[in-house]
PDB file of N, CA and C in Angstrom:
ATOM      1  N   MET A   1      -6.363   1.134 -16.791  1.00  0.00           N
ATOM      2  CA  MET A   1      -4.951   0.977 -16.468  1.00  0.00           C
ATOM      3  C   MET A   1      -4.537  -0.223 -15.621  1.00  0.00           C
ATOM      4  N   ARG A   2      -3.400  -0.613 -15.711  1.00  0.00           N
ATOM      5  CA  ARG A   2      -3.000  -1.889 -15.374  1.00  0.00           C
ATOM      6  C   ARG A   2      -2.512  -1.544 -13.802  1.00  0.00           C
ATOM      7  N   GLU A   3      -2.566  -2.752 -13.072  1.00  0.00           N
ATOM      8  CA  GLU A   3      -1.719  -2.893 -11.751  1.00  0.00           C
ATOM      9  C   GLU A   3      -0.528  -2.244 -11.567  1.00  0.00           C
ATOM     10  N   LYS A   4       0.176  -2.741 -12.593  1.00  0.00           N
ATOM     11  CA  LYS A   4       1.840  -2.471 -12.635  1.00  0.00           C
ATOM     12  C   LYS A   4       1.785  -0.791 -12.963  1.00  0.00           C
ATOM     13  N   GLU A   5       0.931  -0.307 -13.752  1.00  0.00           N
ATOM     14  CA  GLU A   5       0.917   1.072 -14.129  1.00  0.00           C
ATOM     15  C   GLU A   5       0.345   2.191 -12.599  1.00  0.00           C
ATOM     16  N   ILE A   6      -0.624   1.230 -12.063  1.00  0.00           N
ATOM     17  CA  ILE A   6      -0.799   2.329 -10.803  1.00  0.00           C
ATOM     18  C   ILE A   6       0.017   2.236  -9.875  1.00  0.00           C
ATOM     19  N   GLU A   7       0.763   1.074  -9.602  1.00  0.00           N
ATOM     20  CA  GLU A   7       1.915   0.836  -8.686  1.00  0.00           C
ATOM     21  C   GLU A   7       3.079   1.807  -8.745  1.00  0.00           C
ATOM     22  N   GLN A   8       3.469   1.931 -10.020  1.00  0.00           N
ATOM     23  CA  GLN A   8       4.174   2.815 -10.382  1.00  0.00           C
ATOM     24  C   GLN A   8       3.998   4.104 -10.152  1.00  0.00           C
ATOM     25  N   LYS A   9       3.047   4.835 -10.769  1.00  0.00           N
ATOM     26  CA  LYS A   9       2.322   5.971 -10.596  1.00  0.00           C
ATOM     27  C   LYS A   9       2.367   5.996  -8.902  1.00  0.00           C
ATOM     28  N   PHE A  10       1.819   5.217  -8.136  1.00  0.00           N
ATOM     29  CA  PHE A  10       2.006   5.309  -6.429  1.00  0.00           C
ATOM     30  C   PHE A  10       3.397   5.624  -5.963  1.00  0.00           C
ATOM     31  N   THR A  11       4.433   4.907  -6.687  1.00  0.00           N
ATOM     32  CA  THR A  11       5.744   5.145  -6.087  1.00  0.00           C
ATOM     33  C   THR A  11       6.263   6.344  -6.331  1.00  0.00           C
ATOM     34  N   LEU A  12       6.160   6.618  -7.701  1.00  0.00           N
ATOM     35  CA  LEU A  12       6.129   8.403  -7.848  1.00  0.00           C
ATOM     36  C   LEU A  12       5.856   9.030  -6.921  1.00  0.00           C
ATOM     37  N   MET A  13       4.455   9.141  -6.746  1.00  0.00           N
ATOM     38  CA  MET A  13       3.526  10.165  -5.885  1.00  0.00           C
ATOM     39  C   MET A  13       4.273  10.201  -4.897  1.00  0.00           C
ATOM     40  N   ALA A  14       4.646   8.943  -4.048  1.00  0.00           N
ATOM     41  CA  ALA A  14       5.312   8.718  -2.731  1.00  0.00           C
ATOM     42  C   ALA A  14       6.626   9.531  -2.540  1.00  0.00           C
ATOM     43  N   ARG A  15       7.416   9.533  -3.613  1.00  0.00           N
ATOM     44  CA  ARG A  15       8.615   9.887  -3.614  1.00  0.00           C
ATOM     45  C   ARG A  15       8.405  11.727  -3.887  1.00  0.00           C
ATOM     46  N   ARG A  16       7.698  11.928  -4.769  1.00  0.00           N
ATOM     47  CA  ARG A  16       7.474  13.435  -4.781  1.00  0.00           C
ATOM     48  C   ARG A  16       6.808  14.042  -3.539  1.00  0.00           C
ATOM     49  N   THR A  17       6.265  13.573  -2.357  1.00  0.00           N
ATOM     50  CA  THR A  17       6.060  13.727  -1.228  1.00  0.00           C
ATOM     51  C   THR A  17       7.089  13.559   0.013  1.00  0.00           C
ATOM     52  N   GLY A  18       7.996  13.178  -0.577  1.00  0.00           N
ATOM     53  CA  GLY A  18       9.641  13.072   0.191  1.00  0.00           C
ATOM     54  C   GLY A  18       9.553  11.713   0.807  1.00  0.00           C
ATOM     55  N   GLY A  19       8.580  10.770   0.475  1.00  0.00           N
ATOM     56  CA  GLY A  19       8.743   9.579   1.278  1.00  0.00           C
ATOM     57  C   GLY A  19       9.154   8.196   0.166  1.00  0.00           C
ATOM     58  N   LEU A  20       9.226   7.166   0.547  1.00  0.00           N
ATOM     59  CA  LEU A  20       9.388   5.849  -0.203  1.00  0.00           C
ATOM     60  C   LEU A  20       8.106   4.797  -0.169  1.00  0.00           C
ATOM     61  N   ALA A  21       8.087   4.203  -1.625  1.00  0.00           N
ATOM     62  CA  ALA A  21       7.226   2.892  -1.492  1.00  0.00           C
ATOM     63  C   ALA A  21       7.757   1.973  -1.785  1.00  0.00           C
ATOM     64  N   LEU A  22       8.397   1.079  -0.765  1.00  0.00           N
ATOM     65  CA  LEU A  22       9.295  -0.128  -0.961  1.00  0.00           C
ATOM     66  C   LEU A  22       8.629  -1.073  -1.407  1.00  0.00           C
ATOM     67  N   LYS A  23       8.990  -1.681  -2.349  1.00  0.00           N
ATOM     68  CA  LYS A  23       8.251  -3.249  -2.724  1.00  0.00           C
ATOM     69  C   LYS A  23       8.706  -3.976  -1.588  1.00  0.00           C
ATOM     70  N   PHE A  24       7.799  -4.789  -0.919  1.00  0.00           N
ATOM     71  CA  PHE A  24       7.760  -5.294   0.047  1.00  0.00           C
ATOM     72  C   PHE A  24       7.635  -6.755  -0.309  1.00  0.00           C
ATOM     73  N   VAL A  25       8.800  -7.545  -0.043  1.00  0.00           N
ATOM     74  CA  VAL A  25       8.351  -8.896  -0.361  1.00  0.00           C
ATOM     75  C   VAL A  25       9.234  -9.749   1.271  1.00  0.00           C
ATOM     76  N   SER A  26       8.398 -10.634   1.644  1.00  0.00           N
ATOM     77  CA  SER A  26       8.312 -11.341   2.723  1.00  0.00           C
ATOM     78  C   SER A  26       8.527 -13.246   2.285  1.00  0.00           C
ATOM     79  N   PRO A  27       9.770 -13.380   2.289  1.00  0.00           N
ATOM     80  CA  PRO A  27       9.704 -14.747   2.012  1.00  0.00           C
ATOM     81  C   PRO A  27       9.231 -15.912   2.711  1.00  0.00           C
ATOM     82  N   GLY A  28       8.672 -16.682   2.607  1.00  0.00           N
ATOM     83  CA  GLY A  28       8.094 -17.639   3.699  1.00  0.00           C
ATOM     84  C   GLY A  28       6.641 -17.141   4.163  1.00  0.00           C
ATOM     85  N   MET A  29       6.239 -15.931   3.759  1.00  0.00           N
ATOM     86  CA  MET A  29       4.760 -15.400   4.231  1.00  0.00           C
ATOM     87  C   MET A  29       4.233 -14.980   3.153  1.00  0.00           C
ATOM     88  N   SER A  30       3.428 -15.847   2.278  1.00  0.00           N
ATOM     89  CA  SER A  30       2.543 -15.484   1.033  1.00  0.00           C
ATOM     90  C   SER A  30       1.482 -14.297   1.455  1.00  0.00           C
ATOM     91  N   GLY A  31       0.849 -13.650   0.921  1.00  0.00           N
ATOM     92  CA  GLY A  31      -0.082 -12.605   1.099  1.00  0.00           C
ATOM     93  C   GLY A  31       0.307 -11.259   1.733  1.00  0.00           C
ATOM     94  N   MET A  32       1.441 -11.079   1.610  1.00  0.00           N
ATOM     95  CA  MET A  32       1.714  -9.882   2.428  1.00  0.00           C
ATOM     96  C   MET A  32       1.060  -8.783   1.296  1.00  0.00           C
ATOM     97  N   PRO A  33       1.222  -7.360   1.933  1.00  0.00           N
ATOM     98  CA  PRO A  33       0.876  -6.241   0.801  1.00  0.00           C
ATOM     99  C   PRO A  33       2.163  -6.138   0.155  1.00  0.00           C
ATOM    100  N   ASP A  34       1.667  -5.194  -1.173  1.00  0.00           N
ATOM    101  CA  ASP A  34       2.977  -4.963  -2.186  1.00  0.00           C
ATOM    102  C   ASP A  34       3.924  -4.248  -1.779  1.00  0.00           C
ATOM    103  N   ARG A  35       3.601  -3.240  -0.929  1.00  0.00           N
ATOM    104  CA  ARG A  35       4.444  -1.759  -0.713  1.00  0.00           C
ATOM    105  C   ARG A  35       4.109  -1.575   0.694  1.00  0.00           C
ATOM    106  N   LEU A  36       5.596  -1.160   1.290  1.00  0.00           N
ATOM    107  CA  LEU A  36       5.834  -0.547   2.615  1.00  0.00           C
ATOM    108  C   LEU A  36       5.933   0.853   2.346  1.00  0.00           C
ATOM    109  N   VAL A  37       5.110   1.781   2.885  1.00  0.00           N
ATOM    110  CA  VAL A  37       5.196   3.165   2.532  1.00  0.00           C
ATOM    111  C   VAL A  37       5.397   3.734   3.894  1.00  0.00           C
ATOM    112  N   LEU A  38       6.747   4.640   3.547  1.00  0.00           N
ATOM    113  CA  LEU A  38       7.332   5.396   4.581  1.00  0.00           C
ATOM    114  C   LEU A  38       7.505   6.792   4.007  1.00  0.00           C
ATOM    115  N   LEU A  39       6.855   7.526   5.147  1.00  0.00           N
ATOM    116  CA  LEU A  39       6.649   9.085   4.612  1.00  0.00           C
ATOM    117  C   LEU A  39       7.257  10.113   5.832  1.00  0.00           C
ATOM    118  N   PRO A  40       7.854  11.181   5.301  1.00  0.00           N
ATOM    119  CA  PRO A  40       8.309  12.074   6.650  1.00  0.00           C
ATOM    120  C   PRO A  40       7.491  12.275   7.628  1.00  0.00           C
ATOM    121  N   GLY A  41       8.207  12.438   8.800  1.00  0.00           N
ATOM    122  CA  GLY A  41       7.681  12.463  10.337  1.00  0.00           C
ATOM    123  C   GLY A  41       7.398  11.025  10.948  1.00  0.00           C
ATOM    124  N   GLY A  42       8.039  10.094  10.108  1.00  0.00           N
ATOM    125  CA  GLY A  42       7.750   8.569  10.436  1.00  0.00           C
ATOM    126  C   GLY A  42       6.395   7.934  10.337  1.00  0.00           C
ATOM    127  N   ARG A  43       5.769   8.443   9.141  1.00  0.00           N
ATOM    128  CA  ARG A  43       4.605   7.535   9.064  1.00  0.00           C
ATOM    129  C   ARG A  43       4.717   6.599   8.084  1.00  0.00           C
ATOM    130  N   MET A  44       4.052   5.551   8.576  1.00  0.00           N
ATOM    131  CA  MET A  44       4.352   4.247   7.746  1.00  0.00           C
ATOM    132  C   MET A  44       2.802   3.349   7.671  1.00  0.00           C
ATOM    133  N   ALA A  45       3.037   2.886   6.341  1.00  0.00           N
ATOM    134  CA  ALA A  45       1.659   2.000   6.042  1.00  0.00           C
ATOM    135  C   ALA A  45       1.973   0.619   5.033  1.00  0.00           C
ATOM    136  N   PHE A  46       1.346  -0.265   4.842  1.00  0.00           N
ATOM    137  CA  PHE A  46       1.177  -1.033   3.853  1.00  0.00           C
ATOM    138  C   PHE A  46       0.480  -0.719   2.805  1.00  0.00           C
ATOM    139  N   VAL A  47       0.341  -0.922   1.490  1.00  0.00           N
ATOM    140  CA  VAL A  47      -0.242  -0.747   0.389  1.00  0.00           C
ATOM    141  C   VAL A  47      -0.226  -1.787  -0.424  1.00  0.00           C
ATOM    142  N   GLU A  48      -1.510  -2.476  -0.655  1.00  0.00           N
ATOM    143  CA  GLU A  48      -1.804  -3.698  -1.573  1.00  0.00           C
ATOM    144  C   GLU A  48      -2.234  -2.740  -2.791  1.00  0.00           C
ATOM    145  N   VAL A  49      -1.780  -3.228  -3.891  1.00  0.00           N
ATOM    146  CA  VAL A  49      -2.104  -2.689  -4.995  1.00  0.00           C
ATOM    147  C   VAL A  49      -2.561  -4.014  -5.983  1.00  0.00           C
ATOM    148  N   LYS A  50      -3.814  -3.599  -6.976  1.00  0.00           N
ATOM    149  CA  LYS A  50      -4.758  -4.596  -7.119  1.00  0.00           C
ATOM    150  C   LYS A  50      -5.025  -3.445  -8.743  1.00  0.00           C
ATOM    151  N   ALA A  51      -5.388  -4.435  -9.488  1.00  0.00           N
ATOM    152  CA  ALA A  51      -5.940  -4.281 -11.081  1.00  0.00           C
ATOM    153  C   ALA A  51      -7.081  -3.464 -10.647  1.00  0.00           C
ATOM    154  N   PRO A  52      -7.331  -2.366 -11.381  1.00  0.00           N
ATOM    155  CA  PRO A  52      -8.966  -1.961 -11.151  1.00  0.00           C
ATOM    156  C   PRO A  52      -9.940  -2.785 -11.128  1.00  0.00           C
ATOM    157  N   GLY A  53     -11.103  -2.400  -9.782  1.00  0.00           N
ATOM    158  CA  GLY A  53     -12.233  -3.638  -9.773  1.00  0.00           C
ATOM    159  C   GLY A  53     -11.477  -4.833  -8.883  1.00  0.00           C
ATOM    160  N   ARG A  54     -10.227  -5.258  -8.945  1.00  0.00           N
ATOM    161  CA  ARG A  54      -9.974  -6.527  -8.364  1.00  0.00           C
ATOM    162  C   ARG A  54      -9.484  -6.422  -6.822  1.00  0.00           C
ATOM    163  N   ALA A  55     -10.040  -7.306  -6.179  1.00  0.00           N
ATOM    164  CA  ALA A  55     -10.245  -7.479  -4.383  1.00  0.00           C
ATOM    165  C   ALA A  55      -8.996  -8.217  -4.349  1.00  0.00           C
ATOM    166  N   PRO A  56      -8.706  -8.092  -3.212  1.00  0.00           N
ATOM    167  CA  PRO A  56      -7.327  -8.819  -2.484  1.00  0.00           C
ATOM    168  C   PRO A  56      -7.964 -10.206  -2.402  1.00  0.00           C
ATOM    169  N   ARG A  57      -7.205 -11.190  -2.457  1.00  0.00           N
ATOM    170  CA  ARG A  57      -7.569 -12.674  -2.276  1.00  0.00           C
ATOM    171  C   ARG A  57      -7.931 -12.995  -0.625  1.00  0.00           C
ATOM    172  N   PRO A  58      -8.232 -13.908  -0.483  1.00  0.00           N
ATOM    173  CA  PRO A  58      -8.542 -14.452   1.071  1.00  0.00           C
ATOM    174  C   PRO A  58      -7.483 -14.262   1.926  1.00  0.00           C
ATOM    175  N   LEU A  59      -6.486 -14.932   1.419  1.00  0.00           N
ATOM    176  CA  LEU A  59      -5.382 -14.913   2.382  1.00  0.00           C
ATOM    177  C   LEU A  59      -4.704 -13.096   2.347  1.00  0.00           C
ATOM    178  N   GLN A  60      -4.736 -12.587   1.302  1.00  0.00           N
ATOM    179  CA  GLN A  60      -4.263 -11.361   1.261  1.00  0.00           C
ATOM    180  C   GLN A  60      -5.357 -10.321   2.433  1.00  0.00           C
ATOM    181  N   GLU A  61      -6.451 -10.927   2.256  1.00  0.00           N
ATOM    182  CA  GLU A  61      -7.344 -10.233   3.566  1.00  0.00           C
ATOM    183  C   GLU A  61      -6.949 -10.681   4.853  1.00  0.00           C
ATOM    184  N   ALA A  62      -6.836 -11.899   5.108  1.00  0.00           N
ATOM    185  CA  ALA A  62      -6.350 -12.301   6.210  1.00  0.00           C
ATOM    186  C   ALA A  62      -5.064 -11.715   6.769  1.00  0.00           C
ATOM    187  N   ARG A  63      -3.804 -11.589   6.071  1.00  0.00           N
ATOM    188  CA  ARG A  63      -2.958 -11.050   6.169  1.00  0.00           C
ATOM    189  C   ARG A  63      -3.252  -9.128   6.622  1.00  0.00           C
ATOM    190  N   HIS A  64      -4.118  -8.664   6.073  1.00  0.00           N
ATOM    191  CA  HIS A  64      -4.452  -7.190   6.418  1.00  0.00           C
ATOM    192  C   HIS A  64      -4.865  -7.530   7.665  1.00  0.00           C
ATOM    193  N   ARG A  65      -5.792  -8.473   8.030  1.00  0.00           N
ATOM    194  CA  ARG A  65      -6.333  -8.360   9.135  1.00  0.00           C
ATOM    195  C   ARG A  65      -5.275  -8.463  10.254  1.00  0.00           C
ATOM    196  N   THR A  66      -4.255  -9.091   9.847  1.00  0.00           N
ATOM    197  CA  THR A  66      -3.111  -9.663  11.062  1.00  0.00           C
ATOM    198  C   THR A  66      -2.430  -8.315  11.259  1.00  0.00           C
ATOM    199  N   LEU A  67      -2.004  -7.494  10.707  1.00  0.00           N
ATOM    200  CA  LEU A  67      -1.078  -6.359  10.352  1.00  0.00           C
ATOM    201  C   LEU A  67      -2.164  -5.100  11.198  1.00  0.00           C
ATOM    202  N   ARG A  68      -3.399  -5.014  10.768  1.00  0.00           N
ATOM    203  CA  ARG A  68      -4.507  -3.961  11.516  1.00  0.00           C
ATOM    204  C   ARG A  68      -4.256  -4.494  13.002  1.00  0.00           C
ATOM    205  N   ARG A  69      -4.617  -5.438  13.244  1.00  0.00           N
ATOM    206  CA  ARG A  69      -4.413  -6.116  14.348  1.00  0.00           C
ATOM    207  C   ARG A  69      -3.280  -5.601  15.328  1.00  0.00           C
ATOM    208  N   LEU A  70      -2.098  -5.636  14.711  1.00  0.00           N
ATOM    209  CA  LEU A  70      -0.798  -5.290  15.185  1.00  0.00           C
ATOM    210  C   LEU A  70      -0.733  -3.730  15.262  1.00  0.00           C
ATOM    211  N   GLY A  71      -1.594  -3.093  14.607  1.00  0.00           N
ATOM    212  CA  GLY A  71      -1.720  -1.655  14.749  1.00  0.00           C
ATOM    213  C   GLY A  71      -1.303  -0.950  13.716  1.00  0.00           C
ATOM    214  N   PHE A  72      -1.273  -1.735  12.470  1.00  0.00           N
ATOM    215  CA  PHE A  72      -0.410  -0.813  11.191  1.00  0.00           C
ATOM    216  C   PHE A  72      -1.904  -0.594  10.410  1.00  0.00           C
ATOM    217  N   ARG A  73      -1.443   0.566   9.503  1.00  0.00           N
ATOM    218  CA  ARG A  73      -2.611   0.674   8.647  1.00  0.00           C
ATOM    219  C   ARG A  73      -2.197  -0.204   7.381  1.00  0.00           C
ATOM    220  N   VAL A  74      -3.230  -0.341   6.742  1.00  0.00           N
ATOM    221  CA  VAL A  74      -3.156  -1.309   5.657  1.00  0.00           C
ATOM    222  C   VAL A  74      -4.336  -0.782   4.490  1.00  0.00           C
ATOM    223  N   PHE A  75      -3.785  -0.257   3.365  1.00  0.00           N
ATOM    224  CA  PHE A  75      -4.775   0.119   2.398  1.00  0.00           C
ATOM    225  C   PHE A  75      -4.551  -0.625   0.897  1.00  0.00           C
ATOM    226  N   VAL A  76      -5.701  -0.722   0.266  1.00  0.00           N
ATOM    227  CA  VAL A  76      -5.764  -1.251  -0.927  1.00  0.00           C
ATOM    228  C   VAL A  76      -5.953  -0.448  -2.176  1.00  0.00           C
ATOM    229  N   LEU A  77      -5.360  -0.196  -3.011  1.00  0.00           N
ATOM    230  CA  LEU A  77      -5.289   0.660  -4.032  1.00  0.00           C
ATOM    231  C   LEU A  77      -5.747  -0.349  -5.236  1.00  0.00           C
ATOM    232  N   ASP A  78      -6.731   0.412  -5.941  1.00  0.00           N
ATOM    233  CA  ASP A  78      -7.071  -0.210  -7.189  1.00  0.00           C
ATOM    234  C   ASP A  78      -7.448   0.833  -8.190  1.00  0.00           C
ATOM    235  N   ARG A  79      -7.289   2.021  -7.912  1.00  0.00           N
ATOM    236  CA  ARG A  79      -7.466   3.193  -9.033  1.00  0.00           C
ATOM    237  C   ARG A  79      -6.611   4.479  -8.659  1.00  0.00           C
ATOM    238  N   PRO A  80      -5.788   4.721  -9.811  1.00  0.00           N
ATOM    239  CA  PRO A  80      -5.050   5.691  -9.576  1.00  0.00           C
ATOM    240  C   PRO A  80      -5.384   7.273  -8.885  1.00  0.00           C
ATOM    241  N   GLU A  81      -7.016   7.304  -8.859  1.00  0.00           N
ATOM    242  CA  GLU A  81      -7.617   8.252  -8.150  1.00  0.00           C
ATOM    243  C   GLU A  81      -7.613   8.614  -6.625  1.00  0.00           C
ATOM    244  N   GLN A  82      -7.001   7.149  -5.903  1.00  0.00           N
ATOM    245  CA  GLN A  82      -7.131   6.986  -4.831  1.00  0.00           C
ATOM    246  C   GLN A  82      -5.975   7.426  -4.206  1.00  0.00           C
ATOM    247  N   ILE A  83      -4.812   7.425  -5.007  1.00  0.00           N
ATOM    248  CA  ILE A  83      -3.501   7.557  -4.616  1.00  0.00           C
ATOM    249  C   ILE A  83      -3.567   9.090  -3.602  1.00  0.00           C
ATOM    250  N   GLY A  84      -3.738   9.880  -4.093  1.00  0.00           N
ATOM    251  CA  GLY A  84      -3.519  11.583  -3.115  1.00  0.00           C
ATOM    252  C   GLY A  84      -4.071  11.234  -1.738  1.00  0.00           C
ATOM    253  N   GLY A  85      -5.248  10.545  -1.876  1.00  0.00           N
ATOM    254  CA  GLY A  85      -6.197  10.307  -0.676  1.00  0.00           C
ATOM    255  C   GLY A  85      -5.501   9.419   0.226  1.00  0.00           C
ATOM    256  N   ILE A  86      -5.083   8.061  -0.020  1.00  0.00           N
ATOM    257  CA  ILE A  86      -4.274   7.216   0.647  1.00  0.00           C
ATOM    258  C   ILE A  86      -2.926   7.746   1.225  1.00  0.00           C
ATOM    259  N   LEU A  87      -2.188   8.437   0.426  1.00  0.00           N
ATOM    260  CA  LEU A  87      -1.115   9.266   1.022  1.00  0.00           C
ATOM    261  C   LEU A  87      -1.335  10.271   1.944  1.00  0.00           C
ATOM    262  N   ASP A  88      -2.397  11.270   1.791  1.00  0.00           N
ATOM    263  CA  ASP A  88      -2.723  12.296   2.922  1.00  0.00           C
ATOM    264  C   ASP A  88      -3.471  11.299   4.136  1.00  0.00           C
ATOM    265  N   GLU A  89      -3.890  10.071   3.890  1.00  0.00           N
ATOM    266  CA  GLU A  89      -4.125   9.112   5.287  1.00  0.00           C
ATOM    267  C   GLU A  89      -2.734   8.957   5.858  1.00  0.00           C
ATOM    268  N   ILE A  90      -1.967   8.581   5.032  1.00  0.00           N
ATOM    269  CA  ILE A  90      -0.789   7.974   5.432  1.00  0.00           C
ATOM    270  C   ILE A  90      -0.121   9.194   6.414  1.00  0.00           C
ATOM    271  N   ARG A  91      -0.150  10.013   5.885  1.00  0.00           N
ATOM    272  CA  ARG A  91       0.537  11.517   6.740  1.00  0.00           C
ATOM    273  C   ARG A  91      -0.250  11.991   7.775  1.00  0.00           C
ATOM    274  N   THR A  92      -1.258  11.453   8.133  1.00  0.00           N
ATOM    275  CA  THR A  92      -2.116  12.147   9.095  1.00  0.00           C
ATOM    276  C   THR A  92      -2.186  11.060  10.360  1.00  0.00           C
ATOM    277  N   PRO A  93      -1.804  11.723  11.638  1.00  0.00           N
ATOM    278  CA  PRO A  93      -1.536  10.793  12.554  1.00  0.00           C
ATOM    279  C   PRO A  93      -2.873  10.122  12.964  1.00  0.00           C
TER     280      PRO A  93
END
């Protein structure tokens, strides 16, 4: 399964749980995660979507560390089997 297909499936599953998985674009700041996930109850996280077996680039990893240091949750999704677990973790306070 390609990255685009995983991303589409993730976006659909987020909608089915009553949430949104918005494409996140940050002009002037490369390396930010692909999706900003907003779920009922004010739950929010960032999700980086990769092709199966691919890891984030060093700049992406640096951005993830920065976001985590600021208190945000960041997930890396590279297999469709992870989708349910990631959404469950985002829903959990």
